[in-house]
Amino acid sequence: LLDPEPTAAETYGSFDTQTRHCSYLSQEPPEEGSGQRCRELERQVAALRQVRAHLAAENRALRARLEGGAAEKLRRLQAQVEELREEKARLESGREELQARCERLELEARGLRDETELLR
């Protein structure tokens, strides 16, 4: 149902063939029931063309809905990626600040140990 609309001549050629056949039959001398058969075939062709048009319209609507859903999902995912990038940058910044603070505290601890050793 979601495949591109088939428009190749061979796909719907049978409709045209039936129509031409009906036209041919209507030009022949009337045989018993041939005119009625032709009219019946013409009705069938018309009905099949309506079904084909309806299915093509439904196919277009479903494709539009699918593409709309895919576009919305893409926008949501792009927004989520952007949020994650911002969070990553914030966390990296926080990590760098914590590393610098840790280094300062280690230096202070060494200094206090050295001072304690001197006082003993």
PDB file of N, CA and C in Angstrom:
ATOM      1  N   LEU A   1       0.831  -1.192   0.000  1.00  0.00           N
ATOM      2  CA  LEU A   1       0.000   0.000   0.000  1.00  0.00           C
ATOM      3  C   LEU A   1       0.872   1.252   0.000  1.00  0.00           C
ATOM      4  N   LEU A   2       2.093   1.153   0.568  1.00  0.00           N
ATOM      5  CA  LEU A   2       2.937   2.336   0.647  1.00  0.00           C
ATOM      6  C   LEU A   2       3.940   2.418  -0.491  1.00  0.00           C
ATOM      7  N   ASP A   3       3.878   1.509  -1.460  1.00  0.00           N
ATOM      8  CA  ASP A   3       4.758   1.591  -2.608  1.00  0.00           C
ATOM      9  C   ASP A   3       4.319   2.758  -3.472  1.00  0.00           C
ATOM     10  N   PRO A   4       5.251   3.298  -4.247  1.00  0.00           N
ATOM     11  CA  PRO A   4       4.851   4.389  -5.150  1.00  0.00           C
ATOM     12  C   PRO A   4       3.708   3.934  -6.041  1.00  0.00           C
ATOM     13  N   GLU A   5       2.913   4.910  -6.442  1.00  0.00           N
ATOM     14  CA  GLU A   5       1.746   4.590  -7.262  1.00  0.00           C
ATOM     15  C   GLU A   5       2.186   3.945  -8.567  1.00  0.00           C
ATOM     16  N   PRO A   6       1.679   2.771  -8.865  1.00  0.00           N
ATOM     17  CA  PRO A   6       2.028   2.158 -10.143  1.00  0.00           C
ATOM     18  C   PRO A   6       1.319   2.893 -11.275  1.00  0.00           C
ATOM     19  N   THR A   7       2.099   3.376 -12.214  1.00  0.00           N
ATOM     20  CA  THR A   7       1.499   4.092 -13.339  1.00  0.00           C
ATOM     21  C   THR A   7       1.973   3.528 -14.670  1.00  0.00           C
ATOM     22  N   ALA A   8       2.745   2.453 -14.636  1.00  0.00           N
ATOM     23  CA  ALA A   8       3.256   1.881 -15.875  1.00  0.00           C
ATOM     24  C   ALA A   8       2.099   1.408 -16.740  1.00  0.00           C
ATOM     25  N   ALA A   9       2.285   1.532 -18.033  1.00  0.00           N
ATOM     26  CA  ALA A   9       1.225   1.165 -18.974  1.00  0.00           C
ATOM     27  C   ALA A   9       0.838  -0.297 -18.820  1.00  0.00           C
ATOM     28  N   GLU A  10       1.827  -1.161 -18.559  1.00  0.00           N
ATOM     29  CA  GLU A  10       1.497  -2.580 -18.454  1.00  0.00           C
ATOM     30  C   GLU A  10       0.664  -2.883 -17.209  1.00  0.00           C
ATOM     31  N   THR A  11       0.775  -2.040 -16.185  1.00  0.00           N
ATOM     32  CA  THR A  11       0.016  -2.280 -14.963  1.00  0.00           C
ATOM     33  C   THR A  11      -1.463  -2.076 -15.188  1.00  0.00           C
ATOM     34  N   TYR A  12      -1.811  -0.997 -15.850  1.00  0.00           N
ATOM     35  CA  TYR A  12      -3.217  -0.691 -16.065  1.00  0.00           C
ATOM     36  C   TYR A  12      -3.629  -0.864 -17.521  1.00  0.00           C
ATOM     37  N   GLY A  13      -2.759  -1.468 -18.283  1.00  0.00           N
ATOM     38  CA  GLY A  13      -3.055  -1.683 -19.689  1.00  0.00           C
ATOM     39  C   GLY A  13      -4.289  -2.527 -19.901  1.00  0.00           C
ATOM     40  N   SER A  14      -4.572  -3.424 -18.976  1.00  0.00           N
ATOM     41  CA  SER A  14      -5.735  -4.292 -19.154  1.00  0.00           C
ATOM     42  C   SER A  14      -7.023  -3.483 -19.193  1.00  0.00           C
ATOM     43  N   PHE A  15      -7.078  -2.362 -18.482  1.00  0.00           N
ATOM     44  CA  PHE A  15      -8.268  -1.509 -18.528  1.00  0.00           C
ATOM     45  C   PHE A  15      -8.481  -0.989 -19.945  1.00  0.00           C
ATOM     46  N   ASP A  16      -7.399  -0.454 -20.510  1.00  0.00           N
ATOM     47  CA  ASP A  16      -7.497   0.084 -21.864  1.00  0.00           C
ATOM     48  C   ASP A  16      -7.802  -1.024 -22.869  1.00  0.00           C
ATOM     49  N   THR A  17      -7.207  -2.186 -22.670  1.00  0.00           N
ATOM     50  CA  THR A  17      -7.462  -3.313 -23.565  1.00  0.00           C
ATOM     51  C   THR A  17      -8.926  -3.700 -23.516  1.00  0.00           C
ATOM     52  N   GLN A  18      -9.485  -3.759 -22.305  1.00  0.00           N
ATOM     53  CA  GLN A  18     -10.899  -4.099 -22.177  1.00  0.00           C
ATOM     54  C   GLN A  18     -11.769  -3.044 -22.848  1.00  0.00           C
ATOM     55  N   THR A  19     -11.398  -1.775 -22.669  1.00  0.00           N
ATOM     56  CA  THR A  19     -12.171  -0.694 -23.281  1.00  0.00           C
ATOM     57  C   THR A  19     -12.125  -0.807 -24.802  1.00  0.00           C
ATOM     58  N   ARG A  20     -10.923  -1.034 -25.351  1.00  0.00           N
ATOM     59  CA  ARG A  20     -10.800  -1.177 -26.800  1.00  0.00           C
ATOM     60  C   ARG A  20     -11.579  -2.390 -27.299  1.00  0.00           C
ATOM     61  N   HIS A  21     -11.518  -3.470 -26.510  1.00  0.00           N
ATOM     62  CA  HIS A  21     -12.243  -4.683 -26.889  1.00  0.00           C
ATOM     63  C   HIS A  21     -13.744  -4.412 -26.914  1.00  0.00           C
ATOM     64  N   CYS A  22     -14.226  -3.670 -25.923  1.00  0.00           N
ATOM     65  CA  CYS A  22     -15.650  -3.319 -25.894  1.00  0.00           C
ATOM     66  C   CYS A  22     -16.009  -2.464 -27.096  1.00  0.00           C
ATOM     67  N   SER A  23     -15.128  -1.514 -27.421  1.00  0.00           N
ATOM     68  CA  SER A  23     -15.374  -0.657 -28.575  1.00  0.00           C
ATOM     69  C   SER A  23     -15.420  -1.501 -29.844  1.00  0.00           C
ATOM     70  N   TYR A  24     -14.506  -2.447 -29.947  1.00  0.00           N
ATOM     71  CA  TYR A  24     -14.461  -3.338 -31.100  1.00  0.00           C
ATOM     72  C   TYR A  24     -15.737  -4.165 -31.178  1.00  0.00           C
ATOM     73  N   LEU A  25     -16.154  -4.682 -30.027  1.00  0.00           N
ATOM     74  CA  LEU A  25     -17.379  -5.489 -30.010  1.00  0.00           C
ATOM     75  C   LEU A  25     -18.594  -4.668 -30.423  1.00  0.00           C
ATOM     76  N   SER A  26     -18.613  -3.395 -30.019  1.00  0.00           N
ATOM     77  CA  SER A  26     -19.776  -2.577 -30.348  1.00  0.00           C
ATOM     78  C   SER A  26     -19.817  -2.231 -31.833  1.00  0.00           C
ATOM     79  N   GLN A  27     -18.679  -2.344 -32.550  1.00  0.00           N
ATOM     80  CA  GLN A  27     -18.654  -2.055 -33.975  1.00  0.00           C
ATOM     81  C   GLN A  27     -19.027  -3.275 -34.811  1.00  0.00           C
ATOM     82  N   GLU A  28     -18.954  -4.461 -34.207  1.00  0.00           N
ATOM     83  CA  GLU A  28     -19.327  -5.676 -34.924  1.00  0.00           C
ATOM     84  C   GLU A  28     -20.840  -5.776 -35.011  1.00  0.00           C
ATOM     85  N   PRO A  29     -21.309  -6.587 -35.912  1.00  0.00           N
ATOM     86  CA  PRO A  29     -22.751  -6.825 -35.936  1.00  0.00           C
ATOM     87  C   PRO A  29     -23.158  -7.405 -34.583  1.00  0.00           C
ATOM     88  N   PRO A  30     -24.268  -6.954 -34.059  1.00  0.00           N
ATOM     89  CA  PRO A  30     -24.644  -7.397 -32.722  1.00  0.00           C
ATOM     90  C   PRO A  30     -24.830  -8.905 -32.644  1.00  0.00           C
ATOM     91  N   GLU A  31     -24.101  -9.469 -31.723  1.00  0.00           N
ATOM     92  CA  GLU A  31     -24.276 -10.884 -31.432  1.00  0.00           C
ATOM     93  C   GLU A  31     -25.149 -10.975 -30.198  1.00  0.00           C
ATOM     94  N   GLU A  32     -25.578 -12.137 -29.936  1.00  0.00           N
ATOM     95  CA  GLU A  32     -26.447 -12.335 -28.793  1.00  0.00           C
ATOM     96  C   GLU A  32     -25.694 -12.004 -27.512  1.00  0.00           C
ATOM     97  N   GLY A  33     -26.111 -10.974 -26.798  1.00  0.00           N
ATOM     98  CA  GLY A  33     -25.529 -10.611 -25.506  1.00  0.00           C
ATOM     99  C   GLY A  33     -24.220  -9.860 -25.570  1.00  0.00           C
ATOM    100  N   SER A  34     -23.645  -9.638 -26.778  1.00  0.00           N
ATOM    101  CA  SER A  34     -22.341  -8.968 -26.845  1.00  0.00           C
ATOM    102  C   SER A  34     -22.435  -7.513 -26.401  1.00  0.00           C
ATOM    103  N   GLY A  35     -23.500  -6.830 -26.765  1.00  0.00           N
ATOM    104  CA  GLY A  35     -23.670  -5.438 -26.338  1.00  0.00           C
ATOM    105  C   GLY A  35     -23.830  -5.342 -24.835  1.00  0.00           C
ATOM    106  N   GLN A  36     -24.591  -6.265 -24.293  1.00  0.00           N
ATOM    107  CA  GLN A  36     -24.780  -6.267 -22.840  1.00  0.00           C
ATOM    108  C   GLN A  36     -23.463  -6.594 -22.146  1.00  0.00           C
ATOM    109  N   ARG A  37     -22.724  -7.542 -22.693  1.00  0.00           N
ATOM    110  CA  ARG A  37     -21.421  -7.916 -22.122  1.00  0.00           C
ATOM    111  C   ARG A  37     -20.474  -6.721 -22.172  1.00  0.00           C
ATOM    112  N   CYS A  38     -20.504  -6.000 -23.282  1.00  0.00           N
ATOM    113  CA  CYS A  38     -19.646  -4.824 -23.430  1.00  0.00           C
ATOM    114  C   CYS A  38     -20.008  -3.771 -22.393  1.00  0.00           C
ATOM    115  N   ARG A  39     -21.296  -3.518 -22.229  1.00  0.00           N
ATOM    116  CA  ARG A  39     -21.722  -2.529 -21.228  1.00  0.00           C
ATOM    117  C   ARG A  39     -21.299  -2.963 -19.825  1.00  0.00           C
ATOM    118  N   GLU A  40     -21.436  -4.248 -19.557  1.00  0.00           N
ATOM    119  CA  GLU A  40     -21.026  -4.771 -18.249  1.00  0.00           C
ATOM    120  C   GLU A  40     -19.521  -4.578 -18.046  1.00  0.00           C
ATOM    121  N   LEU A  41     -18.750  -4.875 -19.081  1.00  0.00           N
ATOM    122  CA  LEU A  41     -17.298  -4.677 -18.993  1.00  0.00           C
ATOM    123  C   LEU A  41     -16.960  -3.199 -18.826  1.00  0.00           C
ATOM    124  N   GLU A  42     -17.673  -2.323 -19.527  1.00  0.00           N
ATOM    125  CA  GLU A  42     -17.441  -0.886 -19.372  1.00  0.00           C
ATOM    126  C   GLU A  42     -17.736  -0.443 -17.945  1.00  0.00           C
ATOM    127  N   ARG A  43     -18.810  -0.990 -17.355  1.00  0.00           N
ATOM    128  CA  ARG A  43     -19.120  -0.666 -15.954  1.00  0.00           C
ATOM    129  C   ARG A  43     -18.008  -1.167 -15.032  1.00  0.00           C
ATOM    130  N   GLN A  44     -17.521  -2.374 -15.325  1.00  0.00           N
ATOM    131  CA  GLN A  44     -16.437  -2.919 -14.506  1.00  0.00           C
ATOM    132  C   GLN A  44     -15.180  -2.066 -14.625  1.00  0.00           C
ATOM    133  N   VAL A  45     -14.873  -1.651 -15.847  1.00  0.00           N
ATOM    134  CA  VAL A  45     -13.699  -0.793 -16.068  1.00  0.00           C
ATOM    135  C   VAL A  45     -13.866   0.515 -15.302  1.00  0.00           C
ATOM    136  N   ALA A  46     -15.046   1.114 -15.392  1.00  0.00           N
ATOM    137  CA  ALA A  46     -15.295   2.373 -14.682  1.00  0.00           C
ATOM    138  C   ALA A  46     -15.167   2.166 -13.176  1.00  0.00           C
ATOM    139  N   ALA A  47     -15.714   1.065 -12.684  1.00  0.00           N
ATOM    140  CA  ALA A  47     -15.624   0.784 -11.246  1.00  0.00           C
ATOM    141  C   ALA A  47     -14.178   0.565 -10.827  1.00  0.00           C
ATOM    142  N   LEU A  48     -13.425  -0.170 -11.637  1.00  0.00           N
ATOM    143  CA  LEU A  48     -12.016  -0.415 -11.316  1.00  0.00           C
ATOM    144  C   LEU A  48     -11.204   0.875 -11.361  1.00  0.00           C
ATOM    145  N   ARG A  49     -11.520   1.749 -12.294  1.00  0.00           N
ATOM    146  CA  ARG A  49     -10.821   3.037 -12.347  1.00  0.00           C
ATOM    147  C   ARG A  49     -11.122   3.870 -11.108  1.00  0.00           C
ATOM    148  N   GLN A  50     -12.376   3.816 -10.647  1.00  0.00           N
ATOM    149  CA  GLN A  50     -12.724   4.533  -9.415  1.00  0.00           C
ATOM    150  C   GLN A  50     -11.971   3.952  -8.229  1.00  0.00           C
ATOM    151  N   VAL A  51     -11.910   2.629  -8.164  1.00  0.00           N
ATOM    152  CA  VAL A  51     -11.172   1.977  -7.075  1.00  0.00           C
ATOM    153  C   VAL A  51      -9.706   2.377  -7.140  1.00  0.00           C
ATOM    154  N   ARG A  52      -9.140   2.362  -8.341  1.00  0.00           N
ATOM    155  CA  ARG A  52      -7.737   2.741  -8.508  1.00  0.00           C
ATOM    156  C   ARG A  52      -7.514   4.185  -8.054  1.00  0.00           C
ATOM    157  N   ALA A  53      -8.407   5.084  -8.445  1.00  0.00           N
ATOM    158  CA  ALA A  53      -8.274   6.489  -8.042  1.00  0.00           C
ATOM    159  C   ALA A  53      -8.390   6.625  -6.528  1.00  0.00           C
ATOM    160  N   HIS A  54      -9.335   5.899  -5.945  1.00  0.00           N
ATOM    161  CA  HIS A  54      -9.507   5.943  -4.489  1.00  0.00           C
ATOM    162  C   HIS A  54      -8.258   5.409  -3.784  1.00  0.00           C
ATOM    163  N   LEU A  55      -7.726   4.277  -4.266  1.00  0.00           N
ATOM    164  CA  LEU A  55      -6.524   3.705  -3.656  1.00  0.00           C
ATOM    165  C   LEU A  55      -5.316   4.630  -3.826  1.00  0.00           C
ATOM    166  N   ALA A  56      -5.208   5.273  -4.978  1.00  0.00           N
ATOM    167  CA  ALA A  56      -4.104   6.211  -5.199  1.00  0.00           C
ATOM    168  C   ALA A  56      -4.214   7.388  -4.235  1.00  0.00           C
ATOM    169  N   ALA A  57      -5.431   7.900  -4.032  1.00  0.00           N
ATOM    170  CA  ALA A  57      -5.627   9.008  -3.090  1.00  0.00           C
ATOM    171  C   ALA A  57      -5.314   8.559  -1.666  1.00  0.00           C
ATOM    172  N   GLU A  58      -5.758   7.363  -1.320  1.00  0.00           N
ATOM    173  CA  GLU A  58      -5.472   6.839   0.021  1.00  0.00           C
ATOM    174  C   GLU A  58      -3.973   6.638   0.207  1.00  0.00           C
ATOM    175  N   ASN A  59      -3.309   6.152  -0.830  1.00  0.00           N
ATOM    176  CA  ASN A  59      -1.862   5.955  -0.789  1.00  0.00           C
ATOM    177  C   ASN A  59      -1.151   7.290  -0.568  1.00  0.00           C
ATOM    178  N   ARG A  60      -1.580   8.325  -1.301  1.00  0.00           N
ATOM    179  CA  ARG A  60      -0.970   9.650  -1.123  1.00  0.00           C
ATOM    180  C   ARG A  60      -1.184  10.156   0.296  1.00  0.00           C
ATOM    181  N   ALA A  61      -2.400   9.971   0.823  1.00  0.00           N
ATOM    182  CA  ALA A  61      -2.703  10.434   2.181  1.00  0.00           C
ATOM    183  C   ALA A  61      -1.856   9.692   3.207  1.00  0.00           C
ATOM    184  N   LEU A  62      -1.719   8.384   3.033  1.00  0.00           N
ATOM    185  CA  LEU A  62      -0.905   7.603   3.971  1.00  0.00           C
ATOM    186  C   LEU A  62       0.562   7.994   3.888  1.00  0.00           C
ATOM    187  N   ARG A  63       1.044   8.227   2.677  1.00  0.00           N
ATOM    188  CA  ARG A  63       2.441   8.662   2.527  1.00  0.00           C
ATOM    189  C   ARG A  63       2.666  10.012   3.199  1.00  0.00           C
ATOM    190  N   ALA A  64       1.724  10.926   3.010  1.00  0.00           N
ATOM    191  CA  ALA A  64       1.850  12.248   3.638  1.00  0.00           C
ATOM    192  C   ALA A  64       1.850  12.105   5.152  1.00  0.00           C
ATOM    193  N   ARG A  65       0.976  11.251   5.666  1.00  0.00           N
ATOM    194  CA  ARG A  65       0.918  11.036   7.111  1.00  0.00           C
ATOM    195  C   ARG A  65       2.215  10.411   7.615  1.00  0.00           C
ATOM    196  N   LEU A  66       2.728   9.435   6.873  1.00  0.00           N
ATOM    197  CA  LEU A  66       3.972   8.775   7.251  1.00  0.00           C
ATOM    198  C   LEU A  66       5.124   9.768   7.224  1.00  0.00           C
ATOM    199  N   GLU A  67       5.203  10.547   6.152  1.00  0.00           N
ATOM    200  CA  GLU A  67       6.282  11.527   6.041  1.00  0.00           C
ATOM    201  C   GLU A  67       6.148  12.591   7.115  1.00  0.00           C
ATOM    202  N   GLY A  68       4.918  12.989   7.424  1.00  0.00           N
ATOM    203  CA  GLY A  68       4.697  13.961   8.492  1.00  0.00           C
ATOM    204  C   GLY A  68       5.145  13.405   9.826  1.00  0.00           C
ATOM    205  N   GLY A  69       4.835  12.151  10.094  1.00  0.00           N
ATOM    206  CA  GLY A  69       5.257  11.503  11.335  1.00  0.00           C
ATOM    207  C   GLY A  69       6.764  11.363  11.402  1.00  0.00           C
ATOM    208  N   ALA A  70       7.369  11.018  10.280  1.00  0.00           N
ATOM    209  CA  ALA A  70       8.820  10.873  10.241  1.00  0.00           C
ATOM    210  C   ALA A  70       9.494  12.224  10.457  1.00  0.00           C
ATOM    211  N   ALA A  71       8.945  13.263   9.863  1.00  0.00           N
ATOM    212  CA  ALA A  71       9.520  14.602  10.029  1.00  0.00           C
ATOM    213  C   ALA A  71       9.412  15.046  11.487  1.00  0.00           C
ATOM    214  N   GLU A  72       8.266  14.771  12.110  1.00  0.00           N
ATOM    215  CA  GLU A  72       8.082  15.133  13.521  1.00  0.00           C
ATOM    216  C   GLU A  72       9.055  14.355  14.399  1.00  0.00           C
ATOM    217  N   LYS A  73       9.218  13.075  14.120  1.00  0.00           N
ATOM    218  CA  LYS A  73      10.156  12.259  14.900  1.00  0.00           C
ATOM    219  C   LYS A  73      11.578  12.778  14.720  1.00  0.00           C
ATOM    220  N   LEU A  74      11.933  13.157  13.496  1.00  0.00           N
ATOM    221  CA  LEU A  74      13.262  13.707  13.236  1.00  0.00           C
ATOM    222  C   LEU A  74      13.479  14.985  14.033  1.00  0.00           C
ATOM    223  N   ARG A  75      12.469  15.876  14.060  1.00  0.00           N
ATOM    224  CA  ARG A  75      12.594  17.117  14.835  1.00  0.00           C
ATOM    225  C   ARG A  75      12.784  16.823  16.322  1.00  0.00           C
ATOM    226  N   ARG A  76      12.005  15.858  16.838  1.00  0.00           N
ATOM    227  CA  ARG A  76      12.143  15.499  18.257  1.00  0.00           C
ATOM    228  C   ARG A  76      13.533  14.950  18.551  1.00  0.00           C
ATOM    229  N   LEU A  77      14.027  14.080  17.673  1.00  0.00           N
ATOM    230  CA  LEU A  77      15.350  13.499  17.881  1.00  0.00           C
ATOM    231  C   LEU A  77      16.445  14.558  17.774  1.00  0.00           C
ATOM    232  N   GLN A  78      16.298  15.497  16.842  1.00  0.00           N
ATOM    233  CA  GLN A  78      17.292  16.565  16.724  1.00  0.00           C
ATOM    234  C   GLN A  78      17.300  17.434  17.973  1.00  0.00           C
ATOM    235  N   ALA A  79      16.123  17.725  18.512  1.00  0.00           N
ATOM    236  CA  ALA A  79      16.039  18.508  19.747  1.00  0.00           C
ATOM    237  C   ALA A  79      16.679  17.739  20.896  1.00  0.00           C
ATOM    238  N   GLN A  80      16.443  16.441  20.944  1.00  0.00           N
ATOM    239  CA  GLN A  80      17.022  15.621  22.008  1.00  0.00           C
ATOM    240  C   GLN A  80      18.545  15.589  21.883  1.00  0.00           C
ATOM    241  N   VAL A  81      19.054  15.470  20.668  1.00  0.00           N
ATOM    242  CA  VAL A  81      20.507  15.484  20.453  1.00  0.00           C
ATOM    243  C   VAL A  81      21.087  16.809  20.931  1.00  0.00           C
ATOM    244  N   GLU A  82      20.417  17.911  20.607  1.00  0.00           N
ATOM    245  CA  GLU A  82      20.900  19.228  21.031  1.00  0.00           C
ATOM    246  C   GLU A  82      20.915  19.335  22.553  1.00  0.00           C
ATOM    247  N   GLU A  83      19.859  18.853  23.213  1.00  0.00           N
ATOM    248  CA  GLU A  83      19.817  18.870  24.678  1.00  0.00           C
ATOM    249  C   GLU A  83      20.956  18.043  25.263  1.00  0.00           C
ATOM    250  N   LEU A  84      21.214  16.883  24.675  1.00  0.00           N
ATOM    251  CA  LEU A  84      22.293  16.026  25.170  1.00  0.00           C
ATOM    252  C   LEU A  84      23.660  16.675  24.956  1.00  0.00           C
ATOM    253  N   ARG A  85      23.837  17.375  23.853  1.00  0.00           N
ATOM    254  CA  ARG A  85      25.106  18.088  23.622  1.00  0.00           C
ATOM    255  C   ARG A  85      25.321  19.169  24.676  1.00  0.00           C
ATOM    256  N   GLU A  86      24.240  19.909  24.974  1.00  0.00           N
ATOM    257  CA  GLU A  86      24.346  20.951  26.000  1.00  0.00           C
ATOM    258  C   GLU A  86      24.663  20.343  27.360  1.00  0.00           C
ATOM    259  N   GLU A  87      24.012  19.233  27.690  1.00  0.00           N
ATOM    260  CA  GLU A  87      24.271  18.577  28.971  1.00  0.00           C
ATOM    261  C   GLU A  87      25.706  18.062  29.028  1.00  0.00           C
ATOM    262  N   LYS A  88      26.193  17.513  27.924  1.00  0.00           N
ATOM    263  CA  LYS A  88      27.573  17.028  27.865  1.00  0.00           C
ATOM    264  C   LYS A  88      28.551  18.175  28.106  1.00  0.00           C
ATOM    265  N   ALA A  89      28.315  19.310  27.451  1.00  0.00           N
ATOM    266  CA  ALA A  89      29.196  20.468  27.634  1.00  0.00           C
ATOM    267  C   ALA A  89      29.165  20.931  29.090  1.00  0.00           C
ATOM    268  N   ARG A  90      27.969  20.947  29.697  1.00  0.00           N
ATOM    269  CA  ARG A  90      27.838  21.356  31.093  1.00  0.00           C
ATOM    270  C   ARG A  90      28.588  20.383  32.008  1.00  0.00           C
ATOM    271  N   LEU A  91      28.455  19.091  31.761  1.00  0.00           N
ATOM    272  CA  LEU A  91      29.132  18.087  32.586  1.00  0.00           C
ATOM    273  C   LEU A  91      30.649  18.150  32.419  1.00  0.00           C
ATOM    274  N   GLU A  92      31.113  18.367  31.191  1.00  0.00           N
ATOM    275  CA  GLU A  92      32.555  18.492  30.969  1.00  0.00           C
ATOM    276  C   GLU A  92      33.104  19.707  31.693  1.00  0.00           C
ATOM    277  N   SER A  93      32.367  20.797  31.649  1.00  0.00           N
ATOM    278  CA  SER A  93      32.788  22.005  32.359  1.00  0.00           C
ATOM    279  C   SER A  93      32.848  21.736  33.863  1.00  0.00           C
ATOM    280  N   GLY A  94      31.833  21.071  34.391  1.00  0.00           N
ATOM    281  CA  GLY A  94      31.816  20.730  35.814  1.00  0.00           C
ATOM    282  C   GLY A  94      32.958  19.807  36.185  1.00  0.00           C
ATOM    283  N   ARG A  95      33.281  18.866  35.316  1.00  0.00           N
ATOM    284  CA  ARG A  95      34.391  17.944  35.570  1.00  0.00           C
ATOM    285  C   ARG A  95      35.711  18.704  35.652  1.00  0.00           C
ATOM    286  N   GLU A  96      35.916  19.638  34.742  1.00  0.00           N
ATOM    287  CA  GLU A  96      37.154  20.423  34.748  1.00  0.00           C
ATOM    288  C   GLU A  96      37.267  21.242  36.031  1.00  0.00           C
ATOM    289  N   GLU A  97      36.147  21.822  36.464  1.00  0.00           N
ATOM    290  CA  GLU A  97      36.155  22.594  37.709  1.00  0.00           C
ATOM    291  C   GLU A  97      36.475  21.695  38.899  1.00  0.00           C
ATOM    292  N   LEU A  98      35.907  20.499  38.918  1.00  0.00           N
ATOM    293  CA  LEU A  98      36.172  19.563  40.014  1.00  0.00           C
ATOM    294  C   LEU A  98      37.622  19.086  39.995  1.00  0.00           C
ATOM    295  N   GLN A  99      38.193  18.862  38.830  1.00  0.00           N
ATOM    296  CA  GLN A  99      39.598  18.461  38.741  1.00  0.00           C
ATOM    297  C   GLN A  99      40.503  19.564  39.286  1.00  0.00           C
ATOM    298  N   ALA A 100      40.212  20.801  38.931  1.00  0.00           N
ATOM    299  CA  ALA A 100      41.021  21.924  39.421  1.00  0.00           C
ATOM    300  C   ALA A 100      40.894  22.037  40.938  1.00  0.00           C
ATOM    301  N   ARG A 101      39.677  21.890  41.460  1.00  0.00           N
ATOM    302  CA  ARG A 101      39.466  21.963  42.916  1.00  0.00           C
ATOM    303  C   ARG A 101      40.194  20.814  43.610  1.00  0.00           C
ATOM    304  N   CYS A 102      40.139  19.621  43.024  1.00  0.00           N
ATOM    305  CA  CYS A 102      40.812  18.451  43.591  1.00  0.00           C
ATOM    306  C   CYS A 102      42.322  18.689  43.657  1.00  0.00           C
ATOM    307  N   GLU A 103      42.886  19.245  42.601  1.00  0.00           N
ATOM    308  CA  GLU A 103      44.322  19.539  42.590  1.00  0.00           C
ATOM    309  C   GLU A 103      44.678  20.540  43.688  1.00  0.00           C
ATOM    310  N   ARG A 104      43.840  21.579  43.848  1.00  0.00           N
ATOM    311  CA  ARG A 104      44.090  22.569  44.908  1.00  0.00           C
ATOM    312  C   ARG A 104      44.033  21.916  46.289  1.00  0.00           C
ATOM    313  N   LEU A 105      43.026  21.056  46.495  1.00  0.00           N
ATOM    314  CA  LEU A 105      42.883  20.388  47.791  1.00  0.00           C
ATOM    315  C   LEU A 105      44.043  19.431  48.060  1.00  0.00           C
ATOM    316  N   GLU A 106      44.523  18.736  47.013  1.00  0.00           N
ATOM    317  CA  GLU A 106      45.675  17.847  47.184  1.00  0.00           C
ATOM    318  C   GLU A 106      46.918  18.642  47.576  1.00  0.00           C
ATOM    319  N   LEU A 107      47.101  19.786  46.922  1.00  0.00           N
ATOM    320  CA  LEU A 107      48.242  20.644  47.277  1.00  0.00           C
ATOM    321  C   LEU A 107      48.122  21.124  48.718  1.00  0.00           C
ATOM    322  N   GLU A 108      46.928  21.528  49.097  1.00  0.00           N
ATOM    323  CA  GLU A 108      46.693  21.998  50.461  1.00  0.00           C
ATOM    324  C   GLU A 108      46.937  20.864  51.458  1.00  0.00           C
ATOM    325  N   ALA A 109      46.495  19.647  51.120  1.00  0.00           N
ATOM    326  CA  ALA A 109      46.693  18.496  52.005  1.00  0.00           C
ATOM    327  C   ALA A 109      48.177  18.184  52.152  1.00  0.00           C
ATOM    328  N   ARG A 110      48.939  18.232  51.061  1.00  0.00           N
ATOM    329  CA  ARG A 110      50.386  18.000  51.136  1.00  0.00           C
ATOM    330  C   ARG A 110      51.059  19.044  52.015  1.00  0.00           C
ATOM    331  N   GLY A 111      50.613  20.272  51.802  1.00  0.00           N
ATOM    332  CA  GLY A 111      51.184  21.349  52.624  1.00  0.00           C
ATOM    333  C   GLY A 111      50.878  21.140  54.099  1.00  0.00           C
ATOM    334  N   LEU A 112      49.661  20.727  54.411  1.00  0.00           N
ATOM    335  CA  LEU A 112      49.302  20.482  55.809  1.00  0.00           C
ATOM    336  C   LEU A 112      50.072  19.290  56.370  1.00  0.00           C
ATOM    337  N   ARG A 113      50.284  18.243  55.575  1.00  0.00           N
ATOM    338  CA  ARG A 113      51.076  17.088  56.031  1.00  0.00           C
ATOM    339  C   ARG A 113      52.511  17.512  56.331  1.00  0.00           C
ATOM    340  N   ASP A 114      53.056  18.293  55.412  1.00  0.00           N
ATOM    341  CA  ASP A 114      54.434  18.760  55.619  1.00  0.00           C
ATOM    342  C   ASP A 114      54.519  19.594  56.894  1.00  0.00           C
ATOM    343  N   GLU A 115      53.522  20.452  57.074  1.00  0.00           N
ATOM    344  CA  GLU A 115      53.496  21.307  58.262  1.00  0.00           C
ATOM    345  C   GLU A 115      53.356  20.462  59.529  1.00  0.00           C
ATOM    346  N   THR A 116      52.536  19.412  59.465  1.00  0.00           N
ATOM    347  CA  THR A 116      52.336  18.527  60.611  1.00  0.00           C
ATOM    348  C   THR A 116      53.634  17.803  60.935  1.00  0.00           C
ATOM    349  N   GLU A 117      54.344  17.348  59.919  1.00  0.00           N
ATOM    350  CA  GLU A 117      55.622  16.661  60.132  1.00  0.00           C
ATOM    351  C   GLU A 117      56.631  17.585  60.807  1.00  0.00           C
ATOM    352  N   LEU A 118      56.610  18.842  60.418  1.00  0.00           N
ATOM    353  CA  LEU A 118      57.547  19.802  61.012  1.00  0.00           C
ATOM    354  C   LEU A 118      57.229  20.040  62.484  1.00  0.00           C
ATOM    355  N   LEU A 119      55.959  20.002  62.827  1.00  0.00           N
ATOM    356  CA  LEU A 119      55.549  20.256  64.202  1.00  0.00           C
ATOM    357  C   LEU A 119      55.824  19.058  65.099  1.00  0.00           C
ATOM    358  N   ARG A 120      56.039  17.924  64.637  1.00  0.00           N
ATOM    359  CA  ARG A 120      56.289  16.744  65.459  1.00  0.00           C
ATOM    360  C   ARG A 120      57.638  16.703  65.985  1.00  0.00           C
TER     361      ARG A 120
END
